[in-house]
Protein backbone atom coordinates (compact mmCIF):
# COMPACT_ATOMS: atom_id res chain seq x y z
CA UNK A 1 -8.08 -3.14 27.96
CA UNK A 2 -4.48 -4.30 27.68
CA UNK A 3 -2.98 -1.56 25.62
CA UNK A 4 0.29 -3.38 25.17
CA UNK A 5 -1.53 -6.42 23.73
CA UNK A 6 -3.51 -4.30 21.53
CA UNK A 7 -0.28 -2.72 20.18
CA UNK A 8 1.19 -6.15 19.57
CA UNK A 9 -2.06 -7.35 17.87
CA UNK A 10 -1.94 -4.30 15.57
CA UNK A 11 1.72 -4.94 14.69
CA UNK A 12 1.04 -8.47 13.90
CA UNK A 13 -2.21 -8.01 11.97
CA UNK A 14 -2.15 -4.44 10.70
CA UNK A 15 -5.31 -3.46 12.59
CA UNK A 16 -7.63 -3.86 15.54
CA UNK A 17 -10.09 -6.40 13.96
CA UNK A 18 -9.96 -9.79 15.82
CA UNK A 19 -8.49 -8.42 19.01
CA UNK A 20 -9.51 -10.61 21.84
CA UNK A 21 -11.90 -9.17 24.30
CA UNK A 22 -12.99 -6.31 22.00
CA UNK A 23 -15.71 -5.88 19.40
CA UNK A 24 -14.70 -4.60 16.01
CA UNK A 25 -17.19 -2.30 14.22
CA UNK A 26 -16.70 -2.12 10.41
CA UNK A 27 -18.71 1.03 10.05
CA UNK A 28 -17.17 3.41 12.60
CA UNK A 29 -20.28 5.77 12.38
CA UNK A 30 -22.39 3.02 14.08
CA UNK A 31 -20.37 3.58 17.15
CA UNK A 32 -21.90 7.05 17.50
CA UNK A 33 -25.38 5.79 18.02
CA UNK A 34 -24.52 2.88 20.50
CA UNK A 35 -26.00 3.06 23.94
CA UNK A 36 -23.65 4.99 26.26
CA UNK A 37 -23.65 7.69 28.94
CA UNK A 38 -20.97 9.87 27.38
CA UNK A 39 -20.06 10.26 23.79
CA UNK A 40 -16.63 11.79 23.01
CA UNK A 41 -16.11 12.57 19.33
CA UNK A 42 -12.40 13.22 19.36
CA UNK A 43 -10.99 12.81 15.91
CA UNK A 44 -12.95 14.30 13.01
CA UNK A 45 -14.85 17.34 12.16
CA UNK A 46 -18.65 17.33 11.38
CA UNK A 47 -19.29 13.68 12.55
CA UNK A 48 -22.50 14.72 14.38
CA UNK A 49 -24.75 16.29 11.74
CA UNK A 50 -28.42 16.58 10.83
CA UNK A 51 -28.75 12.70 10.13
CA UNK A 52 -27.39 11.02 13.20
CA UNK A 53 -28.29 13.07 16.36
CA UNK A 54 -31.89 11.67 16.49
CA UNK A 55 -30.35 8.17 17.04
CA UNK A 56 -27.71 9.17 19.56
CA UNK A 57 -28.32 7.54 22.97
CA UNK A 58 -25.70 9.43 25.08
CA UNK A 59 -26.88 11.79 27.81
CA UNK A 60 -23.66 13.91 27.36
CA UNK A 61 -21.55 14.82 24.30
CA UNK A 62 -18.01 15.94 24.96
CA UNK A 63 -16.62 17.63 21.89
CA UNK A 64 -12.91 16.80 22.12
CA UNK A 65 -12.31 17.18 18.32
CA UNK A 66 -12.31 20.54 16.59
CA UNK A 67 -15.93 21.18 15.25
CA UNK A 68 -17.28 17.69 15.56
CA UNK A 69 -20.89 18.86 15.51
CA UNK A 70 -22.56 20.79 12.76
CA UNK A 71 -24.94 23.62 13.70
CA UNK A 72 -27.88 21.42 12.67
CA UNK A 73 -26.56 18.51 14.74
CA UNK A 74 -26.19 20.70 17.73
CA UNK A 75 -29.66 22.12 17.48
CA UNK A 76 -31.10 18.50 17.39
CA UNK A 77 -28.99 17.44 20.34
CA UNK A 78 -30.14 20.42 22.48
CA UNK A 79 -33.80 19.83 21.53
CA UNK A 80 -33.41 16.32 22.69
CA UNK A 81 -32.06 17.50 26.02
CA UNK A 82 -28.57 16.01 25.50
CA UNK A 83 -25.93 18.09 27.14
CA UNK A 84 -23.17 19.31 24.83
CA UNK A 85 -19.78 20.46 26.10
CA UNK A 86 -18.42 22.61 23.20
CA UNK A 87 -15.16 22.01 21.65
CA UNK A 88 -14.15 25.57 22.50
CA UNK A 89 -14.08 24.63 26.25
CA UNK A 90 -13.11 20.94 26.07
CA UNK A 91 -10.36 21.32 23.48
CA UNK A 92 -9.15 24.89 24.41
CA UNK A 93 -5.56 23.75 24.78
CA UNK A 94 -5.52 22.14 21.36
CA UNK A 95 -7.03 25.29 19.84
CA UNK A 96 -4.47 27.52 21.46
CA UNK A 97 -1.65 25.30 20.16
CA UNK A 98 -3.21 25.20 16.69
CA UNK A 99 -3.23 29.07 16.84
CA UNK A 100 0.41 29.22 17.77
CA UNK A 101 1.24 26.77 14.95
CA UNK A 102 -0.70 28.83 12.56
CA UNK A 103 1.04 32.10 13.59
CA UNK A 104 4.35 30.31 13.42
CA UNK A 105 3.70 29.15 9.87
CA UNK A 106 2.49 32.56 8.76
CA UNK A 107 5.44 34.51 10.23
CA UNK A 108 8.08 31.88 10.08
CA UNK A 109 8.92 32.68 13.85
CA UNK A 110 10.64 29.85 15.62
CA UNK A 111 8.75 28.55 18.70
CA UNK A 112 11.50 29.77 21.09
CA UNK A 113 11.09 33.39 19.80
CA UNK A 114 7.32 33.05 20.27
CA UNK A 115 7.77 31.97 23.86
CA UNK A 116 10.03 35.00 24.59
CA UNK A 117 7.57 37.30 23.03
CA UNK A 118 4.71 35.69 25.03
CA UNK A 119 6.77 36.05 28.29
CA UNK A 120 7.22 39.70 27.52
CA UNK A 121 3.53 40.30 26.99
CA UNK A 122 2.68 38.20 30.05
CA UNK A 123 5.03 40.25 32.31
CA UNK A 124 3.51 43.53 31.00
CA UNK A 125 0.04 42.20 31.49
CA UNK A 126 0.82 41.23 35.11
CA UNK A 127 2.26 44.69 35.76
CA UNK A 128 -0.77 46.48 34.29
CA UNK A 129 -3.11 44.25 36.22
CA UNK A 130 -1.13 44.59 39.57
CA UNK A 131 -1.11 48.39 39.17
CA UNK A 132 -4.83 48.46 38.53
CA UNK A 133 -5.56 46.45 41.71
CA UNK A 134 -3.21 48.60 43.80
CA UNK A 135 -4.82 51.80 42.46
CA UNK A 136 -8.25 50.63 43.16
CA UNK A 137 -7.33 49.72 46.70
CA UNK A 138 -5.80 53.21 47.11
CA UNK A 139 -9.06 54.79 45.95
CA UNK A 140 -10.98 52.53 48.38
CA UNK A 141 -8.68 53.21 51.39
CA UNK A 142 -8.88 57.06 50.77
CA UNK A 143 -12.59 56.94 51.32
């Protein structure tokens, strides 16, 4: 797909409908049940729920959004043998950043201060871990 041409089309028409070489789907939920190998819900929560997993044709669901699948939807997908890569793994970076944004908003700490605080904890963690490894080797070599 020519992304620059799509951008120009969107600027001219205000949307993606009518873009040459693409198929516009009025009801976005219909895209979830189209034939495909990999389905990547990447925008909204709870788009895979108890009603649509029976019709999903993908062999693999990669949860790139936060919480795109409800508990009931997940159960149905697994019963059907569809592999689900959970958002916790797929979107871990986004979750970590969301956490830092949440902490920043709660505490009103600037991001720079958070980085300094993180670096301090990181250095202490490395020191503790290194000392534990060294001590375990000392015990091993004394035997």
